[in-house]
Amino acid sequence: MSGNYFAVFGLGVFGTRLAVELSRAGNHVTVVDLDRDRINDIRDKVTEAVIGDISSEEVIREMNVKKFSAVILAMSSHFEAELLALTFLKQEGARKVYAKAGSAIQQQILYRLGADEIIQPEQAAAERLSRRLTLDNISEFVEFKGSAIAEVIVPPDMVGKSLRQLDLRNRGNINVLLIQKPGEETENIWDPDTELETGDMLTVFGSKRAILEIFHLQK
């Protein structure tokens, strides 16, 4: 198995799903939880499953946490244990620690103690759903490092125009990656004179702001 090495501390719904998905993606995944049943349920789906108290300095020291690309603290409902785990991980030289927060106050405290990044899955899910409900011509919108990949239904003012005419790259530094016409397979874009039709869906890459301005605010 190739891939990175990750550790997931805490096997609630979020931690369990994250560990399984990381493992499916070809990574080495170690999970730690005090609950024997949870460990037994996931044992065959990850690289290593350990019954242990992640708030114990001794347990964390024995794990050689420097070998992990990242450690994910997935137990914001046990906040005291999460704080202790974060403190010990930093003491032992963990390379990167992601910490799950259940509130803004928890987020502030975790950052002050050295968390590299905060995870708020409920907030992120709410924001994605709100965006999908509000931007009815954008079916998917994935953000990363200031850029985004979006699946966008062609707005009415673009129908009948070619990609060359729209000149999206110069207008907003937006690259069209794929096009899918209703009832047809997704195709790579290769002809700039392809004329867009009602119902066409484009997969585009660019800045979040540019995508929203060009494909949403023009409606």
N, C-alpha and C. Protein backbone atom coordinates (compact mmCIF):
# COMPACT_ATOMS: atom_id res chain seq x y z
N MET A 1 0.84 -1.20 0.00
CA MET A 1 0.00 0.00 0.00
C MET A 1 0.88 1.25 0.00
N SER A 2 0.62 2.15 -0.95
CA SER A 2 1.29 3.43 -0.96
C SER A 2 0.41 4.43 -0.22
N GLY A 3 0.74 5.71 -0.28
CA GLY A 3 -0.11 6.71 0.35
C GLY A 3 0.52 7.26 1.61
N ASN A 4 -0.18 8.22 2.19
CA ASN A 4 0.29 8.87 3.41
C ASN A 4 -0.13 8.10 4.65
N TYR A 5 0.47 8.52 5.77
CA TYR A 5 0.14 7.93 7.07
C TYR A 5 -0.70 8.92 7.87
N PHE A 6 -1.88 8.48 8.30
CA PHE A 6 -2.77 9.32 9.08
C PHE A 6 -3.20 8.60 10.35
N ALA A 7 -3.49 9.40 11.37
CA ALA A 7 -4.07 8.86 12.60
C ALA A 7 -5.36 9.60 12.88
N VAL A 8 -6.39 8.85 13.23
CA VAL A 8 -7.68 9.44 13.59
C VAL A 8 -7.98 9.07 15.04
N PHE A 9 -8.09 10.08 15.87
CA PHE A 9 -8.38 9.88 17.28
C PHE A 9 -9.86 10.15 17.53
N GLY A 10 -10.59 9.13 17.97
CA GLY A 10 -12.01 9.27 18.25
C GLY A 10 -12.85 8.70 17.12
N LEU A 11 -13.70 7.70 17.45
CA LEU A 11 -14.48 7.01 16.43
C LEU A 11 -15.97 7.26 16.58
N GLY A 12 -16.35 8.53 16.61
CA GLY A 12 -17.76 8.86 16.48
C GLY A 12 -18.14 8.71 15.01
N VAL A 13 -19.28 9.26 14.63
CA VAL A 13 -19.74 9.16 13.24
C VAL A 13 -18.73 9.79 12.29
N PHE A 14 -18.28 11.00 12.62
CA PHE A 14 -17.34 11.71 11.75
C PHE A 14 -15.99 10.99 11.67
N GLY A 15 -15.42 10.64 12.81
CA GLY A 15 -14.11 10.01 12.83
C GLY A 15 -14.11 8.67 12.11
N THR A 16 -15.15 7.88 12.31
CA THR A 16 -15.24 6.58 11.66
C THR A 16 -15.32 6.72 10.15
N ARG A 17 -16.18 7.61 9.69
CA ARG A 17 -16.33 7.81 8.24
C ARG A 17 -15.03 8.33 7.63
N LEU A 18 -14.39 9.27 8.31
CA LEU A 18 -13.14 9.82 7.80
C LEU A 18 -12.07 8.74 7.70
N ALA A 19 -11.94 7.94 8.73
CA ALA A 19 -10.91 6.89 8.73
C ALA A 19 -11.13 5.89 7.60
N VAL A 20 -12.37 5.49 7.41
CA VAL A 20 -12.68 4.52 6.35
C VAL A 20 -12.40 5.12 4.97
N GLU A 21 -12.79 6.38 4.76
CA GLU A 21 -12.57 7.00 3.46
C GLU A 21 -11.08 7.21 3.18
N LEU A 22 -10.33 7.60 4.20
CA LEU A 22 -8.88 7.75 4.02
C LEU A 22 -8.24 6.41 3.64
N SER A 23 -8.70 5.36 4.28
CA SER A 23 -8.16 4.03 3.99
C SER A 23 -8.52 3.59 2.58
N ARG A 24 -9.76 3.83 2.18
CA ARG A 24 -10.20 3.48 0.83
C ARG A 24 -9.39 4.20 -0.24
N ALA A 25 -8.92 5.39 0.12
CA ALA A 25 -8.14 6.19 -0.83
C ALA A 25 -6.69 5.72 -0.93
N GLY A 26 -6.34 4.66 -0.20
CA GLY A 26 -5.01 4.08 -0.31
C GLY A 26 -4.00 4.55 0.71
N ASN A 27 -4.48 5.18 1.78
CA ASN A 27 -3.58 5.66 2.83
C ASN A 27 -3.45 4.64 3.96
N HIS A 28 -2.38 4.76 4.72
CA HIS A 28 -2.20 3.99 5.95
C HIS A 28 -2.94 4.75 7.06
N VAL A 29 -3.87 4.10 7.70
CA VAL A 29 -4.70 4.79 8.70
C VAL A 29 -4.66 4.04 10.02
N THR A 30 -4.28 4.77 11.08
CA THR A 30 -4.32 4.24 12.44
C THR A 30 -5.45 4.95 13.18
N VAL A 31 -6.30 4.19 13.85
CA VAL A 31 -7.38 4.78 14.63
C VAL A 31 -7.19 4.42 16.10
N VAL A 32 -7.62 5.34 16.97
CA VAL A 32 -7.50 5.12 18.41
C VAL A 32 -8.80 5.53 19.08
N ASP A 33 -9.32 4.66 19.93
CA ASP A 33 -10.54 4.96 20.68
C ASP A 33 -10.59 4.03 21.89
N LEU A 34 -11.26 4.49 22.94
CA LEU A 34 -11.39 3.67 24.14
C LEU A 34 -12.47 2.62 24.02
N ASP A 35 -13.39 2.81 23.08
CA ASP A 35 -14.54 1.92 22.95
C ASP A 35 -14.13 0.66 22.17
N ARG A 36 -14.11 -0.48 22.85
CA ARG A 36 -13.67 -1.73 22.22
C ARG A 36 -14.55 -2.12 21.04
N ASP A 37 -15.87 -1.91 21.18
CA ASP A 37 -16.78 -2.29 20.10
C ASP A 37 -16.52 -1.48 18.84
N ARG A 38 -16.28 -0.18 19.00
CA ARG A 38 -16.00 0.65 17.84
C ARG A 38 -14.70 0.23 17.16
N ILE A 39 -13.71 -0.09 17.97
CA ILE A 39 -12.43 -0.55 17.42
C ILE A 39 -12.61 -1.86 16.66
N ASN A 40 -13.36 -2.78 17.23
CA ASN A 40 -13.58 -4.07 16.56
C ASN A 40 -14.35 -3.91 15.26
N ASP A 41 -15.29 -2.96 15.23
CA ASP A 41 -16.10 -2.75 14.03
C ASP A 41 -15.27 -2.22 12.86
N ILE A 42 -14.22 -1.47 13.16
CA ILE A 42 -13.46 -0.82 12.09
C ILE A 42 -12.12 -1.51 11.81
N ARG A 43 -11.78 -2.48 12.63
CA ARG A 43 -10.44 -3.08 12.57
C ARG A 43 -10.06 -3.56 11.17
N ASP A 44 -10.99 -4.17 10.45
CA ASP A 44 -10.68 -4.73 9.14
C ASP A 44 -10.71 -3.69 8.02
N LYS A 45 -11.04 -2.44 8.36
CA LYS A 45 -11.18 -1.42 7.34
C LYS A 45 -10.03 -0.41 7.34
N VAL A 46 -9.13 -0.52 8.31
CA VAL A 46 -8.00 0.42 8.42
C VAL A 46 -6.71 -0.37 8.62
N THR A 47 -5.61 0.33 8.65
CA THR A 47 -4.31 -0.32 8.80
C THR A 47 -4.11 -0.84 10.22
N GLU A 48 -4.44 -0.01 11.20
CA GLU A 48 -4.22 -0.38 12.60
C GLU A 48 -5.32 0.24 13.46
N ALA A 49 -5.85 -0.54 14.37
CA ALA A 49 -6.90 -0.06 15.28
C ALA A 49 -6.46 -0.32 16.71
N VAL A 50 -6.39 0.75 17.50
CA VAL A 50 -5.82 0.67 18.84
C VAL A 50 -6.86 1.07 19.89
N ILE A 51 -7.02 0.24 20.90
CA ILE A 51 -7.85 0.60 22.05
C ILE A 51 -6.96 1.39 23.00
N GLY A 52 -7.27 2.66 23.19
CA GLY A 52 -6.42 3.48 24.04
C GLY A 52 -7.05 4.80 24.38
N ASP A 53 -6.53 5.42 25.40
CA ASP A 53 -7.01 6.72 25.88
C ASP A 53 -6.15 7.81 25.23
N ILE A 54 -6.73 8.54 24.29
CA ILE A 54 -5.94 9.52 23.55
C ILE A 54 -5.60 10.75 24.39
N SER A 55 -6.17 10.84 25.57
CA SER A 55 -5.79 11.94 26.47
C SER A 55 -4.63 11.54 27.38
N SER A 56 -4.07 10.35 27.14
CA SER A 56 -2.95 9.85 27.93
C SER A 56 -1.63 10.20 27.25
N GLU A 57 -0.77 10.88 27.97
CA GLU A 57 0.54 11.24 27.43
C GLU A 57 1.33 9.99 27.05
N GLU A 58 1.22 8.95 27.85
CA GLU A 58 1.97 7.72 27.59
C GLU A 58 1.51 7.06 26.29
N VAL A 59 0.20 7.01 26.08
CA VAL A 59 -0.34 6.40 24.85
C VAL A 59 0.17 7.14 23.63
N ILE A 60 0.14 8.46 23.66
CA ILE A 60 0.57 9.26 22.51
C ILE A 60 2.08 9.13 22.29
N ARG A 61 2.83 9.08 23.35
CA ARG A 61 4.28 8.94 23.22
C ARG A 61 4.63 7.61 22.55
N GLU A 62 3.92 6.57 22.88
CA GLU A 62 4.20 5.24 22.33
C GLU A 62 3.84 5.13 20.85
N MET A 63 3.04 6.07 20.33
CA MET A 63 2.57 5.96 18.95
C MET A 63 3.56 6.49 17.92
N ASN A 64 4.62 7.17 18.37
CA ASN A 64 5.59 7.76 17.44
C ASN A 64 4.86 8.64 16.42
N VAL A 65 4.20 9.69 16.92
CA VAL A 65 3.30 10.50 16.09
C VAL A 65 4.01 11.27 14.99
N LYS A 66 5.32 11.38 15.05
CA LYS A 66 6.05 12.10 13.99
C LYS A 66 5.93 11.42 12.64
N LYS A 67 5.59 10.14 12.63
CA LYS A 67 5.52 9.41 11.36
C LYS A 67 4.26 9.75 10.56
N PHE A 68 3.25 10.35 11.21
CA PHE A 68 1.99 10.63 10.53
C PHE A 68 2.04 11.94 9.75
N SER A 69 1.51 11.92 8.56
CA SER A 69 1.38 13.16 7.79
C SER A 69 0.46 14.13 8.51
N ALA A 70 -0.56 13.59 9.17
CA ALA A 70 -1.47 14.42 9.96
C ALA A 70 -2.18 13.54 10.97
N VAL A 71 -2.52 14.16 12.09
CA VAL A 71 -3.35 13.50 13.11
C VAL A 71 -4.66 14.29 13.18
N ILE A 72 -5.78 13.57 13.14
CA ILE A 72 -7.08 14.21 13.18
C ILE A 72 -7.75 13.90 14.50
N LEU A 73 -8.05 14.94 15.27
CA LEU A 73 -8.77 14.80 16.54
C LEU A 73 -10.25 14.97 16.24
N ALA A 74 -10.99 13.87 16.33
CA ALA A 74 -12.37 13.85 15.84
C ALA A 74 -13.40 13.73 16.95
N MET A 75 -13.09 14.26 18.15
CA MET A 75 -13.99 14.02 19.27
C MET A 75 -14.31 15.31 20.03
N SER A 76 -14.92 16.28 19.35
CA SER A 76 -15.20 17.56 19.99
C SER A 76 -16.20 17.45 21.13
N SER A 77 -16.97 16.35 21.19
CA SER A 77 -17.92 16.17 22.30
C SER A 77 -17.21 15.80 23.59
N HIS A 78 -15.94 15.41 23.50
CA HIS A 78 -15.11 15.15 24.68
C HIS A 78 -13.97 16.17 24.64
N PHE A 79 -14.32 17.41 24.91
CA PHE A 79 -13.40 18.51 24.64
C PHE A 79 -12.17 18.49 25.53
N GLU A 80 -12.33 18.12 26.79
CA GLU A 80 -11.17 18.08 27.69
C GLU A 80 -10.14 17.07 27.20
N ALA A 81 -10.63 15.90 26.76
CA ALA A 81 -9.72 14.89 26.22
C ALA A 81 -9.04 15.38 24.95
N GLU A 82 -9.79 16.12 24.13
CA GLU A 82 -9.22 16.67 22.90
C GLU A 82 -8.11 17.67 23.20
N LEU A 83 -8.31 18.51 24.20
CA LEU A 83 -7.29 19.49 24.57
C LEU A 83 -6.02 18.81 25.05
N LEU A 84 -6.18 17.79 25.88
CA LEU A 84 -5.02 17.06 26.38
C LEU A 84 -4.29 16.37 25.23
N ALA A 85 -5.06 15.74 24.34
CA ALA A 85 -4.45 15.06 23.20
C ALA A 85 -3.67 16.04 22.33
N LEU A 86 -4.25 17.20 22.07
CA LEU A 86 -3.58 18.21 21.26
C LEU A 86 -2.28 18.66 21.91
N THR A 87 -2.32 18.89 23.21
CA THR A 87 -1.12 19.32 23.95
C THR A 87 -0.01 18.28 23.85
N PHE A 88 -0.36 17.01 24.07
CA PHE A 88 0.65 15.95 24.04
C PHE A 88 1.16 15.70 22.62
N LEU A 89 0.28 15.81 21.63
CA LEU A 89 0.71 15.64 20.25
C LEU A 89 1.75 16.68 19.86
N LYS A 90 1.51 17.93 20.26
CA LYS A 90 2.47 18.99 19.95
C LYS A 90 3.78 18.77 20.70
N GLN A 91 3.70 18.31 21.92
CA GLN A 91 4.91 18.02 22.69
C GLN A 91 5.75 16.93 22.03
N GLU A 92 5.07 15.97 21.41
CA GLU A 92 5.76 14.83 20.80
C GLU A 92 6.15 15.10 19.35
N GLY A 93 5.90 16.31 18.87
CA GLY A 93 6.37 16.68 17.53
C GLY A 93 5.49 16.27 16.38
N ALA A 94 4.17 16.15 16.61
CA ALA A 94 3.26 15.83 15.51
C ALA A 94 3.39 16.87 14.40
N ARG A 95 3.45 16.41 13.17
CA ARG A 95 3.70 17.30 12.03
C ARG A 95 2.53 18.24 11.75
N LYS A 96 1.32 17.72 11.80
CA LYS A 96 0.14 18.53 11.55
C LYS A 96 -1.04 17.93 12.31
N VAL A 97 -1.80 18.79 12.98
CA VAL A 97 -2.93 18.32 13.77
C VAL A 97 -4.20 19.06 13.34
N TYR A 98 -5.18 18.29 12.90
CA TYR A 98 -6.51 18.82 12.60
C TYR A 98 -7.40 18.51 13.81
N ALA A 99 -8.15 19.50 14.24
CA ALA A 99 -8.99 19.31 15.44
C ALA A 99 -10.43 19.66 15.13
N LYS A 100 -11.34 18.80 15.52
CA LYS A 100 -12.77 19.02 15.30
C LYS A 100 -13.31 19.92 16.41
N ALA A 101 -14.01 20.97 16.01
CA ALA A 101 -14.58 21.92 16.97
C ALA A 101 -16.09 21.93 16.85
N GLY A 102 -16.75 22.03 18.01
CA GLY A 102 -18.20 22.07 18.03
C GLY A 102 -18.77 23.46 18.20
N SER A 103 -17.90 24.44 18.41
CA SER A 103 -18.36 25.81 18.62
C SER A 103 -17.23 26.78 18.32
N ALA A 104 -17.57 28.05 18.22
CA ALA A 104 -16.57 29.08 17.96
C ALA A 104 -15.57 29.19 19.11
N ILE A 105 -16.06 29.02 20.34
CA ILE A 105 -15.16 29.08 21.51
C ILE A 105 -14.16 27.92 21.47
N GLN A 106 -14.64 26.74 21.17
CA GLN A 106 -13.74 25.60 21.05
C GLN A 106 -12.69 25.86 19.97
N GLN A 107 -13.11 26.42 18.87
CA GLN A 107 -12.19 26.72 17.78
C GLN A 107 -11.08 27.65 18.24
N GLN A 108 -11.43 28.71 18.95
CA GLN A 108 -10.44 29.67 19.44
C GLN A 108 -9.44 29.00 20.37
N ILE A 109 -9.93 28.18 21.27
CA ILE A 109 -9.05 27.51 22.24
C ILE A 109 -8.11 26.54 21.53
N LEU A 110 -8.64 25.78 20.60
CA LEU A 110 -7.82 24.80 19.88
C LEU A 110 -6.71 25.49 19.07
N TYR A 111 -7.04 26.59 18.44
CA TYR A 111 -6.02 27.34 17.71
C TYR A 111 -4.93 27.84 18.67
N ARG A 112 -5.34 28.34 19.82
CA ARG A 112 -4.36 28.87 20.78
C ARG A 112 -3.43 27.79 21.29
N LEU A 113 -3.91 26.56 21.35
CA LEU A 113 -3.08 25.45 21.82
C LEU A 113 -2.25 24.82 20.71
N GLY A 114 -2.38 25.35 19.50
CA GLY A 114 -1.48 24.89 18.45
C GLY A 114 -2.08 24.07 17.34
N ALA A 115 -3.41 23.92 17.30
CA ALA A 115 -4.02 23.17 16.19
C ALA A 115 -3.68 23.84 14.88
N ASP A 116 -3.34 23.04 13.87
CA ASP A 116 -2.98 23.60 12.57
C ASP A 116 -4.21 23.96 11.75
N GLU A 117 -5.26 23.20 11.92
CA GLU A 117 -6.49 23.49 11.18
C GLU A 117 -7.68 22.98 11.98
N ILE A 118 -8.79 23.72 11.90
CA ILE A 118 -10.01 23.35 12.63
C ILE A 118 -11.03 22.77 11.66
N ILE A 119 -11.68 21.71 12.10
CA ILE A 119 -12.72 21.07 11.30
C ILE A 119 -14.06 21.33 11.98
N GLN A 120 -15.02 21.84 11.20
CA GLN A 120 -16.38 22.02 11.69
C GLN A 120 -17.33 21.41 10.66
N PRO A 121 -17.49 20.08 10.68
CA PRO A 121 -18.24 19.39 9.63
C PRO A 121 -19.69 19.82 9.52
N GLU A 122 -20.34 20.09 10.65
CA GLU A 122 -21.74 20.51 10.58
C GLU A 122 -21.86 21.85 9.88
N GLN A 123 -20.97 22.77 10.21
CA GLN A 123 -20.99 24.09 9.58
C GLN A 123 -20.69 23.98 8.09
N ALA A 124 -19.71 23.16 7.75
CA ALA A 124 -19.36 23.00 6.33
C ALA A 124 -20.51 22.40 5.54
N ALA A 125 -21.19 21.41 6.14
CA ALA A 125 -22.34 20.78 5.46
C ALA A 125 -23.46 21.79 5.26
N ALA A 126 -23.70 22.61 6.28
CA ALA A 126 -24.75 23.63 6.17
C ALA A 126 -24.42 24.64 5.08
N GLU A 127 -23.16 25.05 4.99
CA GLU A 127 -22.76 26.02 3.97
C GLU A 127 -22.91 25.43 2.57
N ARG A 128 -22.54 24.14 2.40
CA ARG A 128 -22.68 23.51 1.08
C ARG A 128 -24.14 23.40 0.67
N LEU A 129 -25.01 23.02 1.63
CA LEU A 129 -26.43 22.89 1.32
C LEU A 129 -27.03 24.25 0.99
N SER A 130 -26.67 25.27 1.78
CA SER A 130 -27.17 26.61 1.51
C SER A 130 -26.78 27.08 0.12
N ARG A 131 -25.53 26.80 -0.27
CA ARG A 131 -25.05 27.22 -1.58
C ARG A 131 -25.82 26.50 -2.68
N ARG A 132 -26.07 25.21 -2.50
CA ARG A 132 -26.79 24.44 -3.52
C ARG A 132 -28.23 24.91 -3.65
N LEU A 133 -28.86 25.27 -2.52
CA LEU A 133 -30.24 25.72 -2.57
C LEU A 133 -30.36 27.13 -3.14
N THR A 134 -29.36 27.96 -2.87
CA THR A 134 -29.40 29.36 -3.31
C THR A 134 -28.97 29.51 -4.75
N LEU A 135 -27.89 28.84 -5.13
CA LEU A 135 -27.35 28.97 -6.49
C LEU A 135 -27.91 27.83 -7.33
N ASP A 136 -29.11 28.03 -7.86
CA ASP A 136 -29.82 26.92 -8.49
C ASP A 136 -29.22 26.49 -9.81
N ASN A 137 -28.27 27.24 -10.37
CA ASN A 137 -27.62 26.79 -11.59
C ASN A 137 -26.25 26.19 -11.31
N ILE A 138 -25.87 26.05 -10.03
CA ILE A 138 -24.60 25.42 -9.66
C ILE A 138 -24.92 24.16 -8.86
N SER A 139 -24.60 22.99 -9.42
CA SER A 139 -24.96 21.73 -8.77
C SER A 139 -23.89 21.26 -7.80
N GLU A 140 -22.64 21.55 -8.08
CA GLU A 140 -21.54 21.18 -7.18
C GLU A 140 -20.55 22.33 -7.13
N PHE A 141 -19.94 22.51 -5.94
CA PHE A 141 -18.99 23.62 -5.78
C PHE A 141 -17.98 23.18 -4.73
N VAL A 142 -16.77 22.87 -5.16
CA VAL A 142 -15.74 22.38 -4.26
C VAL A 142 -14.63 23.41 -4.20
N GLU A 143 -14.38 23.94 -3.00
CA GLU A 143 -13.37 24.98 -2.83
C GLU A 143 -12.08 24.41 -2.26
N PHE A 144 -10.94 24.99 -2.67
CA PHE A 144 -9.66 24.64 -2.07
C PHE A 144 -8.65 25.72 -2.40
N LYS A 145 -8.00 26.24 -1.35
CA LYS A 145 -6.92 27.22 -1.48
C LYS A 145 -7.29 28.40 -2.37
N GLY A 146 -8.49 28.93 -2.19
CA GLY A 146 -8.89 30.12 -2.92
C GLY A 146 -9.48 29.86 -4.30
N SER A 147 -9.36 28.64 -4.78
CA SER A 147 -9.93 28.29 -6.08
C SER A 147 -11.11 27.34 -5.89
N ALA A 148 -11.77 27.02 -6.99
CA ALA A 148 -12.93 26.14 -6.88
C ALA A 148 -13.13 25.38 -8.19
N ILE A 149 -13.70 24.19 -8.06
CA ILE A 149 -14.20 23.44 -9.21
C ILE A 149 -15.71 23.39 -9.06
N ALA A 150 -16.44 23.75 -10.11
CA ALA A 150 -17.89 23.80 -10.02
C ALA A 150 -18.52 23.14 -11.24
N GLU A 151 -19.68 22.50 -11.00
CA GLU A 151 -20.51 22.02 -12.09
C GLU A 151 -21.63 23.03 -12.27
N VAL A 152 -21.67 23.66 -13.43
CA VAL A 152 -22.55 24.81 -13.63
C VAL A 152 -23.47 24.59 -14.82
N ILE A 153 -24.77 24.78 -14.60
CA ILE A 153 -25.71 24.75 -15.71
C ILE A 153 -25.61 26.07 -16.48
N VAL A 154 -25.48 25.97 -17.78
CA VAL A 154 -25.27 27.17 -18.60
C VAL A 154 -26.45 28.14 -18.43
N PRO A 155 -26.18 29.39 -18.03
CA PRO A 155 -27.25 30.37 -17.87
C PRO A 155 -27.80 30.81 -19.22
N PRO A 156 -29.01 31.36 -19.24
CA PRO A 156 -29.65 31.73 -20.51
C PRO A 156 -28.83 32.66 -21.39
N ASP A 157 -28.09 33.61 -20.80
CA ASP A 157 -27.36 34.57 -21.62
C ASP A 157 -26.15 33.96 -22.31
N MET A 158 -25.80 32.70 -22.00
CA MET A 158 -24.69 32.04 -22.68
C MET A 158 -25.17 31.07 -23.75
N VAL A 159 -26.47 30.76 -23.76
CA VAL A 159 -27.00 29.83 -24.73
C VAL A 159 -26.85 30.40 -26.14
N GLY A 160 -26.37 29.55 -27.06
CA GLY A 160 -26.17 29.97 -28.43
C GLY A 160 -24.81 30.57 -28.71
N LYS A 161 -23.99 30.72 -27.68
CA LYS A 161 -22.66 31.27 -27.85
C LYS A 161 -21.63 30.15 -27.74
N SER A 162 -20.50 30.35 -28.38
CA SER A 162 -19.42 29.37 -28.31
C SER A 162 -18.48 29.73 -27.17
N LEU A 163 -17.66 28.79 -26.80
CA LEU A 163 -16.67 29.04 -25.76
C LEU A 163 -15.67 30.10 -26.20
N ARG A 164 -15.40 30.13 -27.51
CA ARG A 164 -14.49 31.15 -28.02
C ARG A 164 -15.10 32.54 -27.84
N GLN A 165 -16.39 32.66 -28.14
CA GLN A 165 -17.07 33.94 -27.99
C GLN A 165 -17.13 34.39 -26.54
N LEU A 166 -17.37 33.45 -25.65
CA LEU A 166 -17.48 33.79 -24.23
C LEU A 166 -16.13 34.21 -23.64
N ASP A 167 -15.06 33.60 -24.14
CA ASP A 167 -13.70 33.99 -23.73
C ASP A 167 -13.57 34.00 -22.19
N LEU A 168 -14.00 32.92 -21.56
CA LEU A 168 -14.03 32.86 -20.09
C LEU A 168 -12.65 32.96 -19.46
N ARG A 169 -11.65 32.50 -20.16
CA ARG A 169 -10.30 32.52 -19.58
C ARG A 169 -9.81 33.96 -19.42
N ASN A 170 -10.06 34.78 -20.42
CA ASN A 170 -9.63 36.17 -20.31
C ASN A 170 -10.57 37.00 -19.45
N ARG A 171 -11.85 36.68 -19.44
CA ARG A 171 -12.82 37.45 -18.66
C ARG A 171 -12.67 37.22 -17.16
N GLY A 172 -12.39 35.97 -16.78
CA GLY A 172 -12.33 35.69 -15.35
C GLY A 172 -11.33 34.63 -14.97
N ASN A 173 -10.40 34.31 -15.89
CA ASN A 173 -9.42 33.25 -15.66
C ASN A 173 -10.11 31.95 -15.27
N ILE A 174 -11.20 31.65 -15.98
CA ILE A 174 -11.97 30.43 -15.75
C ILE A 174 -11.67 29.45 -16.88
N ASN A 175 -11.33 28.23 -16.51
CA ASN A 175 -11.06 27.18 -17.48
C ASN A 175 -12.22 26.20 -17.51
N VAL A 176 -12.73 25.92 -18.70
CA VAL A 176 -13.78 24.92 -18.87
C VAL A 176 -13.12 23.56 -19.07
N LEU A 177 -13.39 22.63 -18.17
CA LEU A 177 -12.74 21.32 -18.20
C LEU A 177 -13.57 20.28 -18.95
N LEU A 178 -14.88 20.29 -18.69
CA LEU A 178 -15.76 19.27 -19.26
C LEU A 178 -17.08 19.90 -19.66
N ILE A 179 -17.78 19.25 -20.58
CA ILE A 179 -19.13 19.65 -20.94
C ILE A 179 -20.01 18.41 -20.98
N GLN A 180 -21.22 18.54 -20.47
CA GLN A 180 -22.18 17.44 -20.54
C GLN A 180 -23.50 17.98 -21.07
N LYS A 181 -23.93 17.43 -22.19
CA LYS A 181 -25.22 17.80 -22.75
C LYS A 181 -26.30 16.86 -22.21
N PRO A 182 -27.52 17.33 -22.06
CA PRO A 182 -28.59 16.50 -21.48
C PRO A 182 -28.70 15.14 -22.15
N GLY A 183 -28.65 14.07 -21.33
CA GLY A 183 -28.79 12.72 -21.84
C GLY A 183 -27.56 12.14 -22.49
N GLU A 184 -26.45 12.87 -22.49
CA GLU A 184 -25.23 12.38 -23.11
C GLU A 184 -24.11 12.23 -22.08
N GLU A 185 -23.05 11.54 -22.49
CA GLU A 185 -21.91 11.35 -21.62
C GLU A 185 -21.12 12.66 -21.51
N THR A 186 -20.42 12.80 -20.37
CA THR A 186 -19.54 13.96 -20.20
C THR A 186 -18.38 13.86 -21.17
N GLU A 187 -18.02 14.98 -21.79
CA GLU A 187 -16.94 15.00 -22.77
C GLU A 187 -15.89 16.04 -22.40
N ASN A 188 -14.65 15.75 -22.75
CA ASN A 188 -13.61 16.75 -22.62
C ASN A 188 -13.84 17.87 -23.63
N ILE A 189 -13.57 19.09 -23.20
CA ILE A 189 -13.70 20.22 -24.11
C ILE A 189 -12.47 20.25 -25.03
N TRP A 190 -12.68 20.26 -26.32
CA TRP A 190 -11.55 20.36 -27.24
C TRP A 190 -11.80 21.36 -28.35
N ASP A 191 -13.06 21.68 -28.64
CA ASP A 191 -13.39 22.60 -29.72
C ASP A 191 -13.91 23.92 -29.14
N PRO A 192 -13.12 25.00 -29.25
CA PRO A 192 -13.56 26.28 -28.68
C PRO A 192 -14.78 26.86 -29.38
N ASP A 193 -15.15 26.30 -30.54
CA ASP A 193 -16.32 26.78 -31.25
C ASP A 193 -17.58 25.98 -30.90
N THR A 194 -17.47 25.11 -29.89
CA THR A 194 -18.63 24.39 -29.41
C THR A 194 -19.70 25.37 -28.95
N GLU A 195 -20.89 25.25 -29.50
CA GLU A 195 -21.97 26.16 -29.16
C GLU A 195 -22.77 25.60 -27.99
N LEU A 196 -22.98 26.42 -26.99
CA LEU A 196 -23.68 25.97 -25.79
C LEU A 196 -25.19 26.00 -26.01
N GLU A 197 -25.86 25.01 -25.40
CA GLU A 197 -27.30 24.88 -25.55
C GLU A 197 -27.96 24.85 -24.18
N THR A 198 -29.27 25.08 -24.16
CA THR A 198 -30.02 25.04 -22.91
C THR A 198 -29.88 23.66 -22.26
N GLY A 199 -29.55 23.65 -20.97
CA GLY A 199 -29.40 22.39 -20.24
C GLY A 199 -28.00 21.85 -20.21
N ASP A 200 -27.08 22.44 -20.97
CA ASP A 200 -25.68 21.99 -20.93
C ASP A 200 -25.10 22.26 -19.54
N MET A 201 -24.26 21.34 -19.09
CA MET A 201 -23.57 21.53 -17.81
C MET A 201 -22.07 21.56 -18.06
N LEU A 202 -21.42 22.58 -17.51
CA LEU A 202 -19.98 22.73 -17.64
C LEU A 202 -19.30 22.43 -16.31
N THR A 203 -18.16 21.78 -16.37
CA THR A 203 -17.30 21.66 -15.21
C THR A 203 -16.19 22.67 -15.39
N VAL A 204 -16.10 23.63 -14.47
CA VAL A 204 -15.16 24.74 -14.64
C VAL A 204 -14.24 24.85 -13.44
N PHE A 205 -13.08 25.46 -13.69
CA PHE A 205 -12.09 25.68 -12.64
C PHE A 205 -11.68 27.14 -12.66
N GLY A 206 -11.64 27.75 -11.45
CA GLY A 206 -11.22 29.14 -11.35
C GLY A 206 -11.43 29.64 -9.94
N SER A 207 -11.39 30.95 -9.76
CA SER A 207 -11.61 31.50 -8.43
C SER A 207 -13.10 31.43 -8.09
N LYS A 208 -13.40 31.28 -6.82
CA LYS A 208 -14.79 31.24 -6.37
C LYS A 208 -15.53 32.49 -6.82
N ARG A 209 -14.92 33.64 -6.61
CA ARG A 209 -15.58 34.91 -6.94
C ARG A 209 -15.91 35.01 -8.42
N ALA A 210 -14.97 34.64 -9.28
CA ALA A 210 -15.19 34.74 -10.72
C ALA A 210 -16.30 33.80 -11.18
N ILE A 211 -16.30 32.59 -10.64
CA ILE A 211 -17.33 31.63 -11.03
C ILE A 211 -18.72 32.13 -10.64
N LEU A 212 -18.85 32.63 -9.42
CA LEU A 212 -20.14 33.13 -8.97
C LEU A 212 -20.59 34.35 -9.77
N GLU A 213 -19.66 35.23 -10.09
CA GLU A 213 -20.01 36.43 -10.84
C GLU A 213 -20.46 36.10 -12.26
N ILE A 214 -19.74 35.21 -12.91
CA ILE A 214 -20.01 34.95 -14.32
C ILE A 214 -21.20 34.01 -14.52
N PHE A 215 -21.32 33.00 -13.63
CA PHE A 215 -22.37 32.01 -13.87
C PHE A 215 -23.62 32.20 -13.01
N HIS A 216 -23.54 33.03 -11.98
CA HIS A 216 -24.72 33.21 -11.13
C HIS A 216 -25.29 34.61 -11.24
N LEU A 217 -24.46 35.62 -11.07
CA LEU A 217 -24.97 36.99 -11.02
C LEU A 217 -25.43 37.49 -12.38
N GLN A 218 -25.06 36.77 -13.45
CA GLN A 218 -25.50 37.19 -14.77
C GLN A 218 -26.91 36.71 -15.08
N LYS A 219 -27.47 35.87 -14.23
CA LYS A 219 -28.77 35.28 -14.57
C LYS A 219 -29.83 36.36 -14.66
